[in-house]
């Protein structure tokens, strides 16, 4: 079964069992997104513009059909967009955007984080009440381009974690979004300008030298985490094997944004996964992680000791 949506359906467990008793009549779109905008730093500014923006972004992410896939309401991908406004003047907003997404694991109540990333290059124009228009063939605005980029990134990562290269169509869409934005000259998209901007994120997953991280997502999640409910040792062995890809990425580009993205989404999870592993297996994982994340030795030592933090 290599269809990522079919596998997502399988992983929904008890929720899907209940849905079978009370089936949805209409298919939902892909995202179940919580949107929050923090404007505490904007003293003396009319906050209604940020309330309008939050509602507009919430509606956009939760009602737009980004793909042709038909999700039931209980199959939608859980995610969160948290925007911190740092500047707002002349209808131009600047700030940081934290994006998070997760997916269920097979035969368990546990959900695993797929994305936990902060974009510090957020800058766009917005007027209160401005409509957000979706398009796959043009760049309607910098704001919708940013939202589209992270919506497709979330769907692509979810697909790759469910089936081998299961997010292929979404990665192609991401390439188009970046091309449009680069042509428009908007900030946060330029190639080689910033090792953590949106162009760098796309490149980490699609450049031939590093795109094996997409296969890693499948091995780590579908062959690893999803197997642990039935066979913890077998599932954990697949996760251990998948981690070798990190070293290959590091050898090619020690500053790859993927390494930081993996750390932010997975390092705490790895501490939990290896609590009951053998010392040999824990030592192998520490050997992989230690040179990649020298500033994270406290957490890595938890793996070495086989204790939860």
Protein backbone atom coordinates (compact mmCIF):
# COMPACT_ATOMS: atom_id res chain seq x y z
CA UNK A 1 0.00 0.00 0.00
CA UNK A 2 1.95 3.03 -1.29
CA UNK A 3 -0.81 5.63 -1.43
CA UNK A 4 0.00 8.16 1.32
CA UNK A 5 -3.64 9.12 1.81
CA UNK A 6 -4.68 5.48 2.16
CA UNK A 7 -1.97 4.96 4.77
CA UNK A 8 -3.00 8.12 6.62
CA UNK A 9 -6.51 6.67 6.67
CA UNK A 10 -5.15 3.44 8.16
CA UNK A 11 -3.20 5.30 10.86
CA UNK A 12 -6.19 7.17 12.16
CA UNK A 13 -7.10 4.19 14.35
CA UNK A 14 -10.00 4.63 16.71
CA UNK A 15 -10.98 7.98 15.22
CA UNK A 16 -11.54 6.34 11.88
CA UNK A 17 -13.48 3.51 13.47
CA UNK A 18 -15.88 6.07 14.87
CA UNK A 19 -16.00 7.82 11.52
CA UNK A 20 -17.13 4.55 9.94
CA UNK A 21 -20.17 4.64 12.20
CA UNK A 22 -20.84 8.30 11.45
CA UNK A 23 -19.46 8.89 7.94
CA UNK A 24 -18.80 12.39 6.63
CA UNK A 25 -20.96 13.35 3.71
CA UNK A 26 -18.51 15.84 2.27
CA UNK A 27 -14.76 15.56 1.77
CA UNK A 28 -12.65 18.10 3.65
CA UNK A 29 -9.51 19.83 2.55
CA UNK A 30 -6.05 18.88 3.76
CA UNK A 31 -5.20 20.98 6.82
CA UNK A 32 -6.57 21.24 10.31
CA UNK A 33 -4.67 24.37 11.22
CA UNK A 34 -4.53 26.42 14.39
CA UNK A 35 -3.55 30.02 13.61
CA UNK A 36 -2.38 32.53 16.19
CA UNK A 37 -0.94 36.01 15.76
CA UNK A 38 0.95 37.65 18.62
CA UNK A 39 1.06 41.45 18.30
CA UNK A 40 2.13 42.26 21.88
CA UNK A 41 5.17 44.14 20.60
CA UNK A 42 2.96 46.55 18.64
CA UNK A 43 2.12 49.07 21.38
CA UNK A 44 -0.12 51.90 20.25
CA UNK A 45 -1.14 50.12 17.04
CA UNK A 46 -4.77 49.41 16.23
CA UNK A 47 -5.00 45.68 16.95
CA UNK A 48 -8.03 45.17 14.70
CA UNK A 49 -5.73 44.76 11.69
CA UNK A 50 -4.06 41.76 13.36
CA UNK A 51 -7.41 40.28 14.32
CA UNK A 52 -8.50 40.62 10.70
CA UNK A 53 -5.26 39.04 9.52
CA UNK A 54 -5.59 36.11 11.92
CA UNK A 55 -9.12 35.38 10.73
CA UNK A 56 -8.10 35.70 7.08
CA UNK A 57 -5.12 33.34 7.46
CA UNK A 58 -7.19 30.88 9.49
CA UNK A 59 -9.91 30.80 6.83
CA UNK A 60 -7.37 30.52 4.02
CA UNK A 61 -5.45 27.58 5.49
CA UNK A 62 -8.52 25.69 6.68
CA UNK A 63 -10.77 26.10 3.62
CA UNK A 64 -8.42 26.15 0.63
CA UNK A 65 -8.09 22.87 -1.28
CA UNK A 66 -4.36 22.80 -2.00
CA UNK A 67 -4.41 19.44 -3.83
CA UNK A 68 -6.86 17.15 -5.62
CA UNK A 69 -6.72 14.64 -2.77
CA UNK A 70 -9.97 14.08 -0.90
CA UNK A 71 -9.50 14.01 2.86
CA UNK A 72 -12.24 13.14 5.30
CA UNK A 73 -12.54 15.63 8.15
CA UNK A 74 -10.82 13.28 10.60
CA UNK A 75 -7.90 12.69 8.22
CA UNK A 76 -6.80 16.31 7.97
CA UNK A 77 -3.20 17.12 8.90
CA UNK A 78 -2.86 18.80 12.28
CA UNK A 79 -0.67 21.89 12.09
CA UNK A 80 -0.06 25.25 13.73
CA UNK A 81 0.99 28.66 12.42
CA UNK A 82 2.19 31.10 15.09
CA UNK A 83 3.10 34.55 13.78
CA UNK A 84 4.92 37.05 16.00
CA UNK A 85 4.58 40.59 14.69
CA UNK A 86 7.74 42.66 15.22
CA UNK A 87 7.07 45.61 12.95
CA UNK A 88 4.00 47.03 11.22
CA UNK A 89 4.11 50.33 9.35
CA UNK A 90 2.63 51.56 6.06
CA UNK A 91 0.74 48.25 5.72
CA UNK A 92 4.01 46.26 5.76
CA UNK A 93 4.31 43.58 8.42
CA UNK A 94 7.59 41.99 9.54
CA UNK A 95 8.02 39.17 12.02
CA UNK A 96 8.68 35.50 12.70
CA UNK A 97 6.49 32.54 11.79
CA UNK A 98 6.66 29.25 13.69
CA UNK A 99 5.20 26.35 11.72
CA UNK A 100 4.47 22.94 13.24
CA UNK A 101 2.79 19.80 11.93
CA UNK A 102 2.29 16.25 13.14
CA UNK A 103 0.85 12.90 12.15
CA UNK A 104 -0.52 9.86 14.02
CA UNK A 105 1.41 6.63 14.45
CA UNK A 106 0.02 3.18 13.76
CA UNK A 107 -1.82 1.37 16.56
CA UNK A 108 -0.98 4.05 19.10
CA UNK A 109 -2.35 7.26 20.55
CA UNK A 110 1.05 8.88 19.99
CA UNK A 111 1.46 11.66 17.43
CA UNK A 112 4.87 12.48 15.98
CA UNK A 113 6.12 15.91 14.93
CA UNK A 114 6.98 16.20 11.24
CA UNK A 115 7.77 19.91 11.13
CA UNK A 116 8.84 22.42 13.76
CA UNK A 117 10.43 25.37 11.98
CA UNK A 118 10.78 29.10 12.56
CA UNK A 119 10.91 31.39 9.54
CA UNK A 120 12.53 34.65 10.64
CA UNK A 121 12.24 36.33 7.22
CA UNK A 122 8.52 37.06 7.23
CA UNK A 123 7.67 40.31 5.45
CA UNK A 124 4.52 41.12 3.50
CA UNK A 125 1.96 43.82 2.80
CA UNK A 126 -1.48 43.54 4.34
CA UNK A 127 -4.42 45.91 4.72
CA UNK A 128 -7.25 45.19 7.11
CA UNK A 129 -10.00 43.27 5.34
CA UNK A 130 -7.82 42.39 2.34
CA UNK A 131 -9.00 39.14 0.68
CA UNK A 132 -6.50 36.30 0.29
CA UNK A 133 -6.73 34.72 -3.16
CA UNK A 134 -5.42 31.23 -3.89
CA UNK A 135 -3.75 30.37 -7.20
CA UNK A 136 -1.43 27.60 -8.36
CA UNK A 137 -0.42 29.38 -11.56
CA UNK A 138 0.61 32.81 -10.31
CA UNK A 139 1.81 34.68 -7.26
CA UNK A 140 -1.16 36.65 -5.93
CA UNK A 141 0.74 38.19 -3.01
CA UNK A 142 3.76 37.67 -0.80
CA UNK A 143 1.47 36.63 2.05
CA UNK A 144 -0.34 33.92 0.09
CA UNK A 145 2.98 32.73 -1.35
CA UNK A 146 4.29 32.21 2.21
CA UNK A 147 1.10 30.45 3.28
CA UNK A 148 1.10 28.28 0.17
CA UNK A 149 4.73 27.36 0.66
CA UNK A 150 4.22 26.08 4.18
CA UNK A 151 0.89 24.44 3.38
CA UNK A 152 2.48 22.43 0.58
CA UNK A 153 5.56 21.72 2.70
CA UNK A 154 3.33 20.25 5.42
CA UNK A 155 1.43 18.11 2.91
CA UNK A 156 4.66 17.00 1.18
CA UNK A 157 6.34 15.93 4.42
CA UNK A 158 3.20 14.07 5.46
CA UNK A 159 3.06 12.27 2.12
CA UNK A 160 6.74 11.31 2.20
CA UNK A 161 6.32 9.91 5.72
CA UNK A 162 3.42 7.72 4.58
CA UNK A 163 4.73 6.29 1.29
CA UNK A 164 8.03 6.28 -0.65
CA UNK A 165 8.30 9.76 -2.19
CA UNK A 166 4.61 10.17 -1.46
CA UNK A 167 4.79 13.98 -1.56
CA UNK A 168 6.16 14.25 -5.11
CA UNK A 169 3.37 16.41 -6.52
CA UNK A 170 3.60 18.82 -3.61
CA UNK A 171 7.37 19.17 -3.98
CA UNK A 172 6.84 20.12 -7.63
CA UNK A 173 4.31 22.71 -6.54
CA UNK A 174 6.79 24.06 -4.00
CA UNK A 175 9.37 24.53 -6.75
CA UNK A 176 6.87 26.64 -8.70
CA UNK A 177 6.05 28.78 -5.66
CA UNK A 178 9.73 29.51 -5.06
CA UNK A 179 10.30 30.33 -8.73
CA UNK A 180 7.38 32.77 -8.77
CA UNK A 181 8.56 34.46 -5.58
CA UNK A 182 12.16 34.70 -6.73
CA UNK A 183 11.02 36.31 -9.98
CA UNK A 184 9.02 38.84 -7.98
CA UNK A 185 12.10 39.71 -5.90
CA UNK A 186 10.34 39.28 -2.58
CA UNK A 187 12.43 38.79 0.62
CA UNK A 188 13.00 35.34 2.06
CA UNK A 189 13.17 33.45 -1.23
CA UNK A 190 16.53 34.19 -2.85
CA UNK A 191 18.84 31.28 -3.61
CA UNK A 192 22.09 31.26 -1.59
CA UNK A 193 21.03 34.42 0.28
CA UNK A 194 20.31 32.63 3.55
CA UNK A 195 20.94 29.05 4.68
CA UNK A 196 17.56 28.97 6.45
CA UNK A 197 15.26 30.81 4.05
CA UNK A 198 12.48 29.18 2.03
CA UNK A 199 14.69 28.52 -0.98
CA UNK A 200 17.16 26.69 1.28
CA UNK A 201 14.36 24.62 2.82
CA UNK A 202 13.17 23.54 -0.62
CA UNK A 203 16.72 22.73 -1.72
CA UNK A 204 17.39 20.58 1.33
CA UNK A 205 14.61 18.21 0.27
CA UNK A 206 14.92 18.37 -3.52
CA UNK A 207 18.58 18.87 -4.46
CA UNK A 208 20.01 15.58 -5.82
CA UNK A 209 22.84 15.58 -3.27
CA UNK A 210 20.49 15.69 -0.27
CA UNK A 211 17.03 14.55 -1.40
CA UNK A 212 17.62 11.16 0.24
CA UNK A 213 16.16 12.87 3.32
CA UNK A 214 12.77 12.18 1.73
CA UNK A 215 13.49 8.44 1.81
CA UNK A 216 14.65 8.89 5.39
CA UNK A 217 11.23 10.28 6.31
CA UNK A 218 9.57 7.12 5.05
CA UNK A 219 11.99 4.75 6.76
CA UNK A 220 11.90 6.68 10.05
CA UNK A 221 8.11 7.00 10.20
CA UNK A 222 6.39 4.28 8.19
CA UNK A 223 8.96 1.51 8.64
CA UNK A 224 10.14 2.70 12.04
CA UNK A 225 7.67 4.48 14.30
CA UNK A 226 4.62 2.78 12.80
CA UNK A 227 6.14 -0.64 13.51
CA UNK A 228 7.01 0.04 17.14
CA UNK A 229 3.55 -0.75 18.50
CA UNK A 230 3.85 -4.30 17.15
CA UNK A 231 7.61 -4.77 17.39
CA UNK A 232 9.58 -2.07 19.26
CA UNK A 233 12.95 -3.60 18.43
CA UNK A 234 12.18 -3.96 14.73
CA UNK A 235 10.79 -0.43 14.44
CA UNK A 236 13.66 1.09 16.40
CA UNK A 237 16.20 -0.70 14.20
CA UNK A 238 14.69 0.97 11.13
CA UNK A 239 14.89 4.36 12.82
CA UNK A 240 18.54 3.75 13.72
CA UNK A 241 19.27 2.79 10.13
CA UNK A 242 17.50 5.90 8.83
CA UNK A 243 19.71 8.19 10.91
CA UNK A 244 22.72 7.39 8.74
CA UNK A 245 21.24 9.80 6.18
CA UNK A 246 21.99 12.66 8.58
CA UNK A 247 25.69 11.97 8.28
CA UNK A 248 25.47 12.00 4.47
CA UNK A 249 23.71 15.36 4.55
CA UNK A 250 26.31 16.73 6.97
CA UNK A 251 29.17 15.52 4.77
CA UNK A 252 27.68 17.39 1.81
CA UNK A 253 26.59 20.52 3.69
CA UNK A 254 27.33 20.88 7.43
CA UNK A 255 25.06 23.94 7.52
CA UNK A 256 22.08 22.29 5.82
CA UNK A 257 18.80 23.60 7.17
CA UNK A 258 17.49 20.03 7.22
CA UNK A 259 19.84 19.16 10.07
CA UNK A 260 18.39 21.98 12.17
CA UNK A 261 14.85 21.05 11.16
CA UNK A 262 15.42 17.43 12.15
CA UNK A 263 16.89 18.45 15.51
CA UNK A 264 13.97 20.74 16.33
CA UNK A 265 11.34 18.15 15.43
CA UNK A 266 12.99 14.87 16.45
CA UNK A 267 15.73 15.10 19.06
CA UNK A 268 13.41 14.92 22.08
CA UNK A 269 11.55 12.08 20.39
CA UNK A 270 14.78 10.14 19.92
CA UNK A 271 15.48 10.42 23.66
CA UNK A 272 12.16 8.67 24.29
CA UNK A 273 12.61 6.09 21.54
CA UNK A 274 15.97 4.83 22.81
CA UNK A 275 15.10 4.66 26.50
CA UNK A 276 14.67 0.88 26.23
CA UNK A 277 17.25 0.22 23.53
CA UNK A 278 20.39 -1.83 24.08
CA UNK A 279 23.59 -0.02 24.99
CA UNK A 280 25.07 -1.01 21.64
CA UNK A 281 22.20 0.60 19.77
CA UNK A 282 22.27 3.72 21.93
CA UNK A 283 26.01 4.09 21.40
CA UNK A 284 25.51 3.83 17.64
CA UNK A 285 22.92 6.61 17.68
CA UNK A 286 25.11 8.82 19.87
CA UNK A 287 28.01 8.25 17.48
CA UNK A 288 25.85 9.58 14.63
CA UNK A 289 24.35 12.55 16.47
CA UNK A 290 27.30 13.82 18.50
CA UNK A 291 29.35 15.39 15.67
CA UNK A 292 26.21 16.83 14.07
CA UNK A 293 24.84 18.52 17.17
CA UNK A 294 27.76 19.35 19.50
CA UNK A 295 25.71 21.97 21.37
CA UNK A 296 23.01 19.42 22.20
CA UNK A 297 25.14 17.03 24.23
CA UNK A 298 22.87 17.22 27.26
CA UNK A 299 19.99 15.67 25.33
CA UNK A 300 22.26 13.31 23.40
CA UNK A 301 23.70 12.05 26.69
CA UNK A 302 20.17 11.12 27.75
CA UNK A 303 20.18 8.74 24.79
CA UNK A 304 23.57 7.37 25.77
CA UNK A 305 22.38 6.75 29.33
CA UNK A 306 19.04 5.29 28.28
CA UNK A 307 17.06 7.64 30.51
CA UNK A 308 14.19 9.95 29.79
CA UNK A 309 14.92 13.59 30.49
